[in-house]
Amino acid sequence: MAADRQVALVTGASSGIGKATVHALAEAGFDAIGTSRKASGSPARGGVTLLGLDVTSDDSVNSVVQQVIEEFGRIDVLVNNAGIGTNGAAEEVSVAQAQSVFDVNVFGLMRMTKAVLPYMRGRGYGRIVNISSVGGFVPNPFMAVYVASKHAVEGYSESLDHEVREYGVRVLRVQPGPVNTPFDMNMLHADTPLSLYARRRAVFDEVVEEQMRSGDDPTVIAKAVVAAATDPKPKLSYPAGSMAARVSVLRRIVPTRAFDKSVRKLNRMTD
């Protein structure tokens, strides 16, 4: 590794957005480290190092961050990408299951952030790029717990950015829309399903599958992450992909009642 090369650490990098992102950062000139629960200290390939990491474990997070600091001497960019989705009406998801989602999507992100911040502040520079979602600023029926976690990511990120900006650290959000990955296949299914939601849930499954299969390629999102990591004057948020950009604008300019109707129409719900 070159002493002057910036170092990027990406969570959830075994597939999809995370995998595309860690390779895009390597191509952009970073020493790129990808992490996932499936990795086991794999050697560097194509400029990418793979490390095992469980974002729900304080010990795992602190150990990996310390390992990166010892081996690379710095962490310039953290990309918090690790996350899981949920499929089911809010009433069908137990509190315990919701807590498990938040432990990855929100508290895992917080663990990683708190672990790298002292090093970034110490050097007077750092970028923390949190992978949010259009679900962080719009509703999505039958994904209430996931959407709630992304709303939390939005609020945490924007608030933290104000706290650390004077120390040379920025906290930015990339907000993808539907992406053509197996994300929908890996969602947690509600652990207390109710028959009265079964028909609507089946329609939701069809809608999500169609959106995902026609969604943006993960490389589109990776490009937005690289921009957030390298822009001299970064934007607070980066809607990533064609749908995300449109929805971001519509959310701001369309009257609330009309936007509400559009959400129901998109999800094939009756008025």
C-alpha atoms as a PDB file:
ATOM      1  CA  MET A   1       0.000   0.000   0.000  1.00  0.00           C
ATOM      2  CA  ALA A   2       1.180   3.528  -0.731  1.00  0.00           C
ATOM      3  CA  ALA A   3       1.526   5.797   2.275  1.00  0.00           C
ATOM      4  CA  ASP A   4      -0.265   8.630   0.495  1.00  0.00           C
ATOM      5  CA  ARG A   5      -3.232   6.555  -0.715  1.00  0.00           C
ATOM      6  CA  GLN A   6      -6.513   7.175   1.019  1.00  0.00           C
ATOM      7  CA  VAL A   7      -8.163   4.233   2.753  1.00  0.00           C
ATOM      8  CA  ALA A   8     -11.840   3.323   2.466  1.00  0.00           C
ATOM      9  CA  LEU A   9     -13.687   0.803   4.636  1.00  0.00           C
ATOM     10  CA  VAL A  10     -16.998  -0.598   3.342  1.00  0.00           C
ATOM     11  CA  THR A  11     -19.425  -2.752   5.334  1.00  0.00           C
ATOM     12  CA  GLY A  12     -21.734  -5.310   3.742  1.00  0.00           C
ATOM     13  CA  ALA A  13     -19.398  -5.757   0.784  1.00  0.00           C
ATOM     14  CA  SER A  14     -20.005  -9.416  -0.104  1.00  0.00           C
ATOM     15  CA  SER A  15     -22.568  -8.621  -2.822  1.00  0.00           C
ATOM     16  CA  GLY A  16     -24.782  -5.989  -4.408  1.00  0.00           C
ATOM     17  CA  ILE A  17     -24.178  -2.325  -3.618  1.00  0.00           C
ATOM     18  CA  GLY A  18     -21.372  -3.024  -1.151  1.00  0.00           C
ATOM     19  CA  LYS A  19     -19.398  -5.201  -3.547  1.00  0.00           C
ATOM     20  CA  ALA A  20     -19.785  -2.701  -6.386  1.00  0.00           C
ATOM     21  CA  THR A  21     -18.811   0.142  -4.066  1.00  0.00           C
ATOM     22  CA  VAL A  22     -15.619  -1.367  -2.697  1.00  0.00           C
ATOM     23  CA  HIS A  23     -14.401  -2.132  -6.215  1.00  0.00           C
ATOM     24  CA  ALA A  24     -15.372   1.342  -7.456  1.00  0.00           C
ATOM     25  CA  LEU A  25     -13.384   2.924  -4.625  1.00  0.00           C
ATOM     26  CA  ALA A  26     -10.390   0.745  -5.465  1.00  0.00           C
ATOM     27  CA  GLU A  27     -10.628   1.864  -9.093  1.00  0.00           C
ATOM     28  CA  ALA A  28     -10.808   5.474  -7.874  1.00  0.00           C
ATOM     29  CA  GLY A  29      -7.410   5.058  -6.207  1.00  0.00           C
ATOM     30  CA  PHE A  30      -8.316   4.072  -2.662  1.00  0.00           C
ATOM     31  CA  ASP A  31      -6.887   1.223  -0.642  1.00  0.00           C
ATOM     32  CA  ALA A  32     -10.305  -0.402  -0.305  1.00  0.00           C
ATOM     33  CA  ILE A  33     -11.313  -2.798   2.465  1.00  0.00           C
ATOM     34  CA  GLY A  34     -14.605  -4.647   2.161  1.00  0.00           C
ATOM     35  CA  THR A  35     -16.207  -6.378   5.116  1.00  0.00           C
ATOM     36  CA  SER A  36     -18.994  -8.872   5.668  1.00  0.00           C
ATOM     37  CA  ARG A  37     -19.938 -11.679   8.006  1.00  0.00           C
ATOM     38  CA  LYS A  38     -19.054 -14.141   5.231  1.00  0.00           C
ATOM     39  CA  ALA A  39     -15.487 -12.923   4.724  1.00  0.00           C
ATOM     40  CA  SER A  40     -12.673 -14.512   6.688  1.00  0.00           C
ATOM     41  CA  GLY A  41      -9.577 -12.435   6.169  1.00  0.00           C
ATOM     42  CA  SER A  42      -9.391 -13.082   2.441  1.00  0.00           C
ATOM     43  CA  PRO A  43      -6.279 -11.740   0.685  1.00  0.00           C
ATOM     44  CA  ALA A  44      -6.433  -8.641  -1.465  1.00  0.00           C
ATOM     45  CA  ARG A  45      -7.929  -9.085  -4.942  1.00  0.00           C
ATOM     46  CA  GLY A  46      -8.075  -6.374  -7.547  1.00  0.00           C
ATOM     47  CA  GLY A  47      -6.972  -3.795  -5.017  1.00  0.00           C
ATOM     48  CA  VAL A  48      -9.608  -4.918  -2.492  1.00  0.00           C
ATOM     49  CA  THR A  49      -8.975  -6.494   0.919  1.00  0.00           C
ATOM     50  CA  LEU A  50     -11.796  -8.563   2.478  1.00  0.00           C
ATOM     51  CA  LEU A  51     -12.269  -8.857   6.247  1.00  0.00           C
ATOM     52  CA  GLY A  52     -14.832 -10.626   8.391  1.00  0.00           C
ATOM     53  CA  LEU A  53     -17.040  -8.268  10.390  1.00  0.00           C
ATOM     54  CA  ASP A  54     -20.301  -8.448  12.329  1.00  0.00           C
ATOM     55  CA  VAL A  55     -21.686  -4.925  12.746  1.00  0.00           C
ATOM     56  CA  THR A  56     -23.935  -6.106  15.585  1.00  0.00           C
ATOM     57  CA  SER A  57     -20.899  -6.924  17.738  1.00  0.00           C
ATOM     58  CA  ASP A  58     -18.959  -4.212  19.570  1.00  0.00           C
ATOM     59  CA  ASP A  59     -15.919  -6.488  19.803  1.00  0.00           C
ATOM     60  CA  SER A  60     -15.973  -7.332  16.084  1.00  0.00           C
ATOM     61  CA  VAL A  61     -16.345  -3.683  15.066  1.00  0.00           C
ATOM     62  CA  ASN A  62     -13.586  -2.426  17.329  1.00  0.00           C
ATOM     63  CA  SER A  63     -11.275  -5.278  16.349  1.00  0.00           C
ATOM     64  CA  VAL A  64     -11.640  -4.696  12.602  1.00  0.00           C
ATOM     65  CA  VAL A  65     -11.243  -0.918  12.845  1.00  0.00           C
ATOM     66  CA  GLN A  66      -8.103  -1.390  14.952  1.00  0.00           C
ATOM     67  CA  GLN A  67      -6.774  -3.944  12.442  1.00  0.00           C
ATOM     68  CA  VAL A  68      -7.270  -1.523   9.552  1.00  0.00           C
ATOM     69  CA  ILE A  69      -5.550   1.285  11.458  1.00  0.00           C
ATOM     70  CA  GLU A  70      -2.594  -0.963  12.295  1.00  0.00           C
ATOM     71  CA  GLU A  71      -2.197  -2.285   8.742  1.00  0.00           C
ATOM     72  CA  PHE A  72      -3.046   0.831   6.713  1.00  0.00           C
ATOM     73  CA  GLY A  73      -2.345   3.617   9.191  1.00  0.00           C
ATOM     74  CA  ARG A  74      -5.557   5.531   8.506  1.00  0.00           C
ATOM     75  CA  ILE A  75      -9.243   5.428   7.593  1.00  0.00           C
ATOM     76  CA  ASP A  76     -10.320   8.276   5.340  1.00  0.00           C
ATOM     77  CA  VAL A  77     -13.716   7.001   4.238  1.00  0.00           C
ATOM     78  CA  LEU A  78     -16.232   4.745   5.967  1.00  0.00           C
ATOM     79  CA  VAL A  79     -19.167   3.480   3.908  1.00  0.00           C
ATOM     80  CA  ASN A  80     -21.922   2.095   6.117  1.00  0.00           C
ATOM     81  CA  ASN A  81     -23.712  -0.207   3.697  1.00  0.00           C
ATOM     82  CA  ALA A  82     -24.554  -3.310   5.760  1.00  0.00           C
ATOM     83  CA  GLY A  83     -28.313  -3.655   6.094  1.00  0.00           C
ATOM     84  CA  ILE A  84     -31.298  -5.966   5.987  1.00  0.00           C
ATOM     85  CA  GLY A  85     -34.871  -5.478   4.818  1.00  0.00           C
ATOM     86  CA  THR A  86     -38.215  -6.633   6.144  1.00  0.00           C
ATOM     87  CA  ASN A  87     -41.295  -7.934   4.400  1.00  0.00           C
ATOM     88  CA  GLY A  88     -44.609  -7.679   6.210  1.00  0.00           C
ATOM     89  CA  ALA A  89     -47.153  -5.361   7.726  1.00  0.00           C
ATOM     90  CA  ALA A  90     -45.970  -3.523  10.818  1.00  0.00           C
ATOM     91  CA  GLU A  91     -48.504  -5.450  12.914  1.00  0.00           C
ATOM     92  CA  GLU A  92     -46.944  -8.717  11.741  1.00  0.00           C
ATOM     93  CA  VAL A  93     -43.401  -7.875  12.833  1.00  0.00           C
ATOM     94  CA  SER A  94     -42.584  -8.614  16.458  1.00  0.00           C
ATOM     95  CA  VAL A  95     -40.717  -6.051  18.523  1.00  0.00           C
ATOM     96  CA  ALA A  96     -37.847  -8.539  18.842  1.00  0.00           C
ATOM     97  CA  GLN A  97     -37.619  -8.869  15.061  1.00  0.00           C
ATOM     98  CA  ALA A  98     -37.761  -5.102  14.633  1.00  0.00           C
ATOM     99  CA  GLN A  99     -34.935  -4.778  17.156  1.00  0.00           C
ATOM    100  CA  SER A 100     -32.822  -7.211  15.134  1.00  0.00           C
ATOM    101  CA  VAL A 101     -33.315  -5.049  12.020  1.00  0.00           C
ATOM    102  CA  PHE A 102     -32.388  -1.877  13.881  1.00  0.00           C
ATOM    103  CA  ASP A 103     -29.347  -3.604  15.364  1.00  0.00           C
ATOM    104  CA  VAL A 104     -27.912  -3.935  11.848  1.00  0.00           C
ATOM    105  CA  ASN A 105     -29.340  -0.948   9.979  1.00  0.00           C
ATOM    106  CA  VAL A 106     -29.061   1.665  12.724  1.00  0.00           C
ATOM    107  CA  PHE A 107     -26.987   0.513  15.688  1.00  0.00           C
ATOM    108  CA  GLY A 108     -24.494  -1.285  13.450  1.00  0.00           C
ATOM    109  CA  LEU A 109     -23.999   1.973  11.565  1.00  0.00           C
ATOM    110  CA  MET A 110     -23.588   3.800  14.886  1.00  0.00           C
ATOM    111  CA  ARG A 111     -21.043   1.259  16.143  1.00  0.00           C
ATOM    112  CA  MET A 112     -18.936   1.675  13.020  1.00  0.00           C
ATOM    113  CA  THR A 113     -19.219   5.453  13.127  1.00  0.00           C
ATOM    114  CA  LYS A 114     -18.217   5.725  16.769  1.00  0.00           C
ATOM    115  CA  ALA A 115     -15.255   3.401  16.168  1.00  0.00           C
ATOM    116  CA  VAL A 116     -13.755   5.437  13.307  1.00  0.00           C
ATOM    117  CA  LEU A 117     -14.569   8.966  14.454  1.00  0.00           C
ATOM    118  CA  PRO A 118     -11.662   9.347  16.903  1.00  0.00           C
ATOM    119  CA  TYR A 119      -9.170   8.491  14.148  1.00  0.00           C
ATOM    120  CA  MET A 120     -10.814  10.824  11.649  1.00  0.00           C
ATOM    121  CA  ARG A 121     -10.983  13.693  14.112  1.00  0.00           C
ATOM    122  CA  GLY A 122      -7.369  13.076  15.082  1.00  0.00           C
ATOM    123  CA  ARG A 123      -6.265  13.532  11.459  1.00  0.00           C
ATOM    124  CA  GLY A 124      -8.678  16.409  10.837  1.00  0.00           C
ATOM    125  CA  TYR A 125     -10.303  14.681   7.898  1.00  0.00           C
ATOM    126  CA  GLY A 126     -12.836  11.974   7.120  1.00  0.00           C
ATOM    127  CA  ARG A 127     -15.937  11.085   5.156  1.00  0.00           C
ATOM    128  CA  ILE A 128     -18.656   8.832   6.557  1.00  0.00           C
ATOM    129  CA  VAL A 129     -21.034   7.815   3.782  1.00  0.00           C
ATOM    130  CA  ASN A 130     -24.226   6.175   5.002  1.00  0.00           C
ATOM    131  CA  ILE A 131     -26.279   4.129   2.557  1.00  0.00           C
ATOM    132  CA  SER A 132     -29.817   5.254   3.241  1.00  0.00           C
ATOM    133  CA  SER A 133     -32.730   4.771   0.830  1.00  0.00           C
ATOM    134  CA  VAL A 134     -35.611   6.600  -0.784  1.00  0.00           C
ATOM    135  CA  GLY A 135     -37.387   4.849   2.078  1.00  0.00           C
ATOM    136  CA  GLY A 136     -35.574   7.287   4.325  1.00  0.00           C
ATOM    137  CA  PHE A 137     -37.827  10.107   3.160  1.00  0.00           C
ATOM    138  CA  VAL A 138     -40.927   8.418   1.670  1.00  0.00           C
ATOM    139  CA  PRO A 139     -43.286   5.752   3.034  1.00  0.00           C
ATOM    140  CA  ASN A 140     -43.359   2.180   1.795  1.00  0.00           C
ATOM    141  CA  PRO A 141     -46.229  -0.042   2.986  1.00  0.00           C
ATOM    142  CA  PHE A 142     -45.292  -3.527   4.167  1.00  0.00           C
ATOM    143  CA  MET A 143     -41.758  -2.348   4.856  1.00  0.00           C
ATOM    144  CA  ALA A 144     -42.528  -0.108   7.846  1.00  0.00           C
ATOM    145  CA  VAL A 145     -39.712  -1.397  10.068  1.00  0.00           C
ATOM    146  CA  TYR A 146     -37.106  -1.104   7.312  1.00  0.00           C
ATOM    147  CA  VAL A 147     -38.370   2.367   6.377  1.00  0.00           C
ATOM    148  CA  ALA A 148     -38.287   3.412  10.034  1.00  0.00           C
ATOM    149  CA  SER A 149     -34.661   2.295  10.254  1.00  0.00           C
ATOM    150  CA  LYS A 150     -33.750   4.361   7.190  1.00  0.00           C
ATOM    151  CA  HIS A 151     -35.569   7.395   8.584  1.00  0.00           C
ATOM    152  CA  ALA A 152     -33.379   6.931  11.666  1.00  0.00           C
ATOM    153  CA  VAL A 153     -30.274   6.806   9.477  1.00  0.00           C
ATOM    154  CA  GLU A 154     -31.318  10.054   7.815  1.00  0.00           C
ATOM    155  CA  GLY A 155     -31.832  11.881  11.105  1.00  0.00           C
ATOM    156  CA  TYR A 156     -28.683  10.512  12.710  1.00  0.00           C
ATOM    157  CA  SER A 157     -26.528  11.323   9.687  1.00  0.00           C
ATOM    158  CA  GLU A 158     -27.704  14.877   9.197  1.00  0.00           C
ATOM    159  CA  SER A 159     -27.477  15.702  12.904  1.00  0.00           C
ATOM    160  CA  LEU A 160     -24.033  14.136  13.318  1.00  0.00           C
ATOM    161  CA  ASP A 161     -22.723  16.008  10.297  1.00  0.00           C
ATOM    162  CA  HIS A 162     -23.319  19.286  12.116  1.00  0.00           C
ATOM    163  CA  GLU A 163     -21.458  18.009  15.192  1.00  0.00           C
ATOM    164  CA  VAL A 164     -18.273  16.876  13.430  1.00  0.00           C
ATOM    165  CA  ARG A 165     -17.966  19.239  10.475  1.00  0.00           C
ATOM    166  CA  GLU A 166     -15.718  21.648  12.369  1.00  0.00           C
ATOM    167  CA  TYR A 167     -13.251  18.768  12.889  1.00  0.00           C
ATOM    168  CA  GLY A 168     -12.896  18.117   9.167  1.00  0.00           C
ATOM    169  CA  VAL A 169     -15.304  15.171   9.107  1.00  0.00           C
ATOM    170  CA  ARG A 170     -18.419  15.008   6.937  1.00  0.00           C
ATOM    171  CA  VAL A 171     -21.354  12.613   7.281  1.00  0.00           C
ATOM    172  CA  LEU A 172     -23.190  12.153   3.985  1.00  0.00           C
ATOM    173  CA  ARG A 173     -26.093  10.071   2.709  1.00  0.00           C
ATOM    174  CA  VAL A 174     -26.505   8.093  -0.486  1.00  0.00           C
ATOM    175  CA  GLN A 175     -30.183   7.362  -1.153  1.00  0.00           C
ATOM    176  CA  PRO A 176     -30.771   4.550  -3.668  1.00  0.00           C
ATOM    177  CA  GLY A 177     -34.104   3.648  -5.166  1.00  0.00           C
ATOM    178  CA  PRO A 178     -34.762   0.076  -6.351  1.00  0.00           C
ATOM    179  CA  VAL A 179     -31.515  -1.683  -7.262  1.00  0.00           C
ATOM    180  CA  ASN A 180     -31.179  -4.882  -9.248  1.00  0.00           C
ATOM    181  CA  THR A 181     -29.737  -7.047  -6.455  1.00  0.00           C
ATOM    182  CA  PRO A 182     -31.008 -10.052  -4.455  1.00  0.00           C
ATOM    183  CA  PHE A 183     -31.992  -7.671  -1.631  1.00  0.00           C
ATOM    184  CA  ASP A 184     -35.664  -8.644  -1.855  1.00  0.00           C
ATOM    185  CA  MET A 185     -34.764 -12.334  -1.709  1.00  0.00           C
ATOM    186  CA  ASN A 186     -32.865 -11.820   1.541  1.00  0.00           C
ATOM    187  CA  MET A 187     -35.457  -9.757   3.408  1.00  0.00           C
ATOM    188  CA  LEU A 188     -36.670 -10.959   6.776  1.00  0.00           C
ATOM    189  CA  HIS A 189     -40.249 -12.188   6.556  1.00  0.00           C
ATOM    190  CA  ALA A 190     -42.594 -11.096   9.324  1.00  0.00           C
ATOM    191  CA  ASP A 191     -42.400 -13.558  12.192  1.00  0.00           C
ATOM    192  CA  THR A 192     -46.053 -13.187  13.292  1.00  0.00           C
ATOM    193  CA  PRO A 193     -47.996 -13.214   9.974  1.00  0.00           C
ATOM    194  CA  LEU A 194     -51.747 -12.509  10.012  1.00  0.00           C
ATOM    195  CA  SER A 195     -54.118 -13.934   7.419  1.00  0.00           C
ATOM    196  CA  LEU A 196     -55.950 -10.634   6.883  1.00  0.00           C
ATOM    197  CA  TYR A 197     -52.768  -9.144   5.353  1.00  0.00           C
ATOM    198  CA  ALA A 198     -51.929 -12.166   3.185  1.00  0.00           C
ATOM    199  CA  ARG A 199     -53.474 -10.904  -0.072  1.00  0.00           C
ATOM    200  CA  ARG A 200     -52.028  -7.422   0.204  1.00  0.00           C
ATOM    201  CA  ARG A 201     -48.634  -8.853   1.172  1.00  0.00           C
ATOM    202  CA  ALA A 202     -48.653 -11.023  -1.954  1.00  0.00           C
ATOM    203  CA  VAL A 203     -49.328  -7.954  -4.108  1.00  0.00           C
ATOM    204  CA  PHE A 204     -46.496  -6.162  -2.337  1.00  0.00           C
ATOM    205  CA  ASP A 205     -44.166  -9.058  -3.155  1.00  0.00           C
ATOM    206  CA  GLU A 206     -45.015  -8.727  -6.849  1.00  0.00           C
ATOM    207  CA  VAL A 207     -44.479  -4.959  -6.824  1.00  0.00           C
ATOM    208  CA  VAL A 208     -41.109  -5.234  -5.096  1.00  0.00           C
ATOM    209  CA  GLU A 209     -39.902  -8.010  -7.395  1.00  0.00           C
ATOM    210  CA  GLU A 210     -40.817  -5.964 -10.470  1.00  0.00           C
ATOM    211  CA  GLN A 211     -39.114  -2.855  -9.079  1.00  0.00           C
ATOM    212  CA  MET A 212     -35.957  -4.693  -8.107  1.00  0.00           C
ATOM    213  CA  ARG A 213     -35.575  -6.561 -11.407  1.00  0.00           C
ATOM    214  CA  SER A 214     -35.995  -3.308 -13.341  1.00  0.00           C
ATOM    215  CA  GLY A 215     -33.933  -1.323 -10.850  1.00  0.00           C
ATOM    216  CA  ASP A 216     -30.596   0.384 -11.268  1.00  0.00           C
ATOM    217  CA  ASP A 217     -27.385  -1.582 -11.556  1.00  0.00           C
ATOM    218  CA  PRO A 218     -25.367  -1.521  -8.293  1.00  0.00           C
ATOM    219  CA  THR A 219     -22.562   0.284 -10.131  1.00  0.00           C
ATOM    220  CA  VAL A 220     -24.847   3.324 -10.407  1.00  0.00           C
ATOM    221  CA  ILE A 221     -25.053   3.519  -6.632  1.00  0.00           C
ATOM    222  CA  ALA A 222     -21.334   2.863  -6.291  1.00  0.00           C
ATOM    223  CA  LYS A 223     -20.635   5.849  -8.535  1.00  0.00           C
ATOM    224  CA  ALA A 224     -22.676   8.070  -6.191  1.00  0.00           C
ATOM    225  CA  VAL A 225     -20.718   6.747  -3.203  1.00  0.00           C
ATOM    226  CA  VAL A 226     -17.407   7.578  -4.895  1.00  0.00           C
ATOM    227  CA  ALA A 227     -18.730  11.078  -5.571  1.00  0.00           C
ATOM    228  CA  ALA A 228     -19.683  11.494  -1.909  1.00  0.00           C
ATOM    229  CA  ALA A 229     -16.253  10.241  -0.880  1.00  0.00           C
ATOM    230  CA  THR A 230     -14.300  12.515  -3.225  1.00  0.00           C
ATOM    231  CA  ASP A 231     -16.300  15.664  -4.045  1.00  0.00           C
ATOM    232  CA  PRO A 232     -14.345  18.728  -2.840  1.00  0.00           C
ATOM    233  CA  LYS A 233     -17.615  20.311  -1.726  1.00  0.00           C
ATOM    234  CA  PRO A 234     -19.895  17.336  -0.986  1.00  0.00           C
ATOM    235  CA  LYS A 235     -23.657  17.507  -1.049  1.00  0.00           C
ATOM    236  CA  LEU A 236     -25.551  16.566   2.105  1.00  0.00           C
ATOM    237  CA  SER A 237     -27.349  13.786   0.255  1.00  0.00           C
ATOM    238  CA  TYR A 238     -26.943  11.916  -3.014  1.00  0.00           C
ATOM    239  CA  PRO A 239     -30.166  10.441  -4.459  1.00  0.00           C
ATOM    240  CA  ALA A 240     -28.753   7.587  -6.545  1.00  0.00           C
ATOM    241  CA  GLY A 241     -30.428   6.259  -9.655  1.00  0.00           C
ATOM    242  CA  SER A 242     -33.222   7.463 -11.905  1.00  0.00           C
ATOM    243  CA  MET A 243     -36.155   6.737  -9.582  1.00  0.00           C
ATOM    244  CA  ALA A 244     -34.446   8.142  -6.489  1.00  0.00           C
ATOM    245  CA  ALA A 245     -33.725  11.451  -8.199  1.00  0.00           C
ATOM    246  CA  ARG A 246     -37.339  11.779  -9.388  1.00  0.00           C
ATOM    247  CA  VAL A 247     -38.877  10.816  -6.065  1.00  0.00           C
ATOM    248  CA  SER A 248     -36.616  13.220  -4.183  1.00  0.00           C
ATOM    249  CA  VAL A 249     -37.893  16.102  -6.296  1.00  0.00           C
ATOM    250  CA  LEU A 250     -41.528  14.987  -6.197  1.00  0.00           C
ATOM    251  CA  ARG A 251     -41.464  14.628  -2.418  1.00  0.00           C
ATOM    252  CA  ARG A 252     -40.507  18.298  -2.150  1.00  0.00           C
ATOM    253  CA  ILE A 253     -42.867  19.815  -4.702  1.00  0.00           C
ATOM    254  CA  VAL A 254     -45.973  17.601  -4.900  1.00  0.00           C
ATOM    255  CA  PRO A 255     -48.798  18.408  -2.449  1.00  0.00           C
ATOM    256  CA  THR A 256     -49.029  15.916   0.428  1.00  0.00           C
ATOM    257  CA  ARG A 257     -52.437  14.512  -0.554  1.00  0.00           C
ATOM    258  CA  ALA A 258     -51.360  13.944  -4.158  1.00  0.00           C
ATOM    259  CA  PHE A 259     -48.107  12.302  -3.091  1.00  0.00           C
ATOM    260  CA  ASP A 260     -50.027  10.037  -0.719  1.00  0.00           C
ATOM    261  CA  LYS A 261     -52.264   8.911  -3.581  1.00  0.00           C
ATOM    262  CA  SER A 262     -49.249   8.212  -5.763  1.00  0.00           C
ATOM    263  CA  VAL A 263     -47.758   5.957  -3.094  1.00  0.00           C
ATOM    264  CA  ARG A 264     -50.977   3.953  -2.929  1.00  0.00           C
ATOM    265  CA  LYS A 265     -51.220   3.732  -6.702  1.00  0.00           C
ATOM    266  CA  LEU A 266     -47.613   2.572  -7.038  1.00  0.00           C
ATOM    267  CA  ASN A 267     -48.280  -0.165  -4.491  1.00  0.00           C
ATOM    268  CA  ARG A 268     -51.608  -1.146  -6.108  1.00  0.00           C
ATOM    269  CA  MET A 269     -53.600  -0.252  -3.033  1.00  0.00           C
ATOM    270  CA  THR A 270     -57.249   0.793  -3.077  1.00  0.00           C
ATOM    271  CA  ASP A 271     -58.243   4.280  -1.884  1.00  0.00           C
END
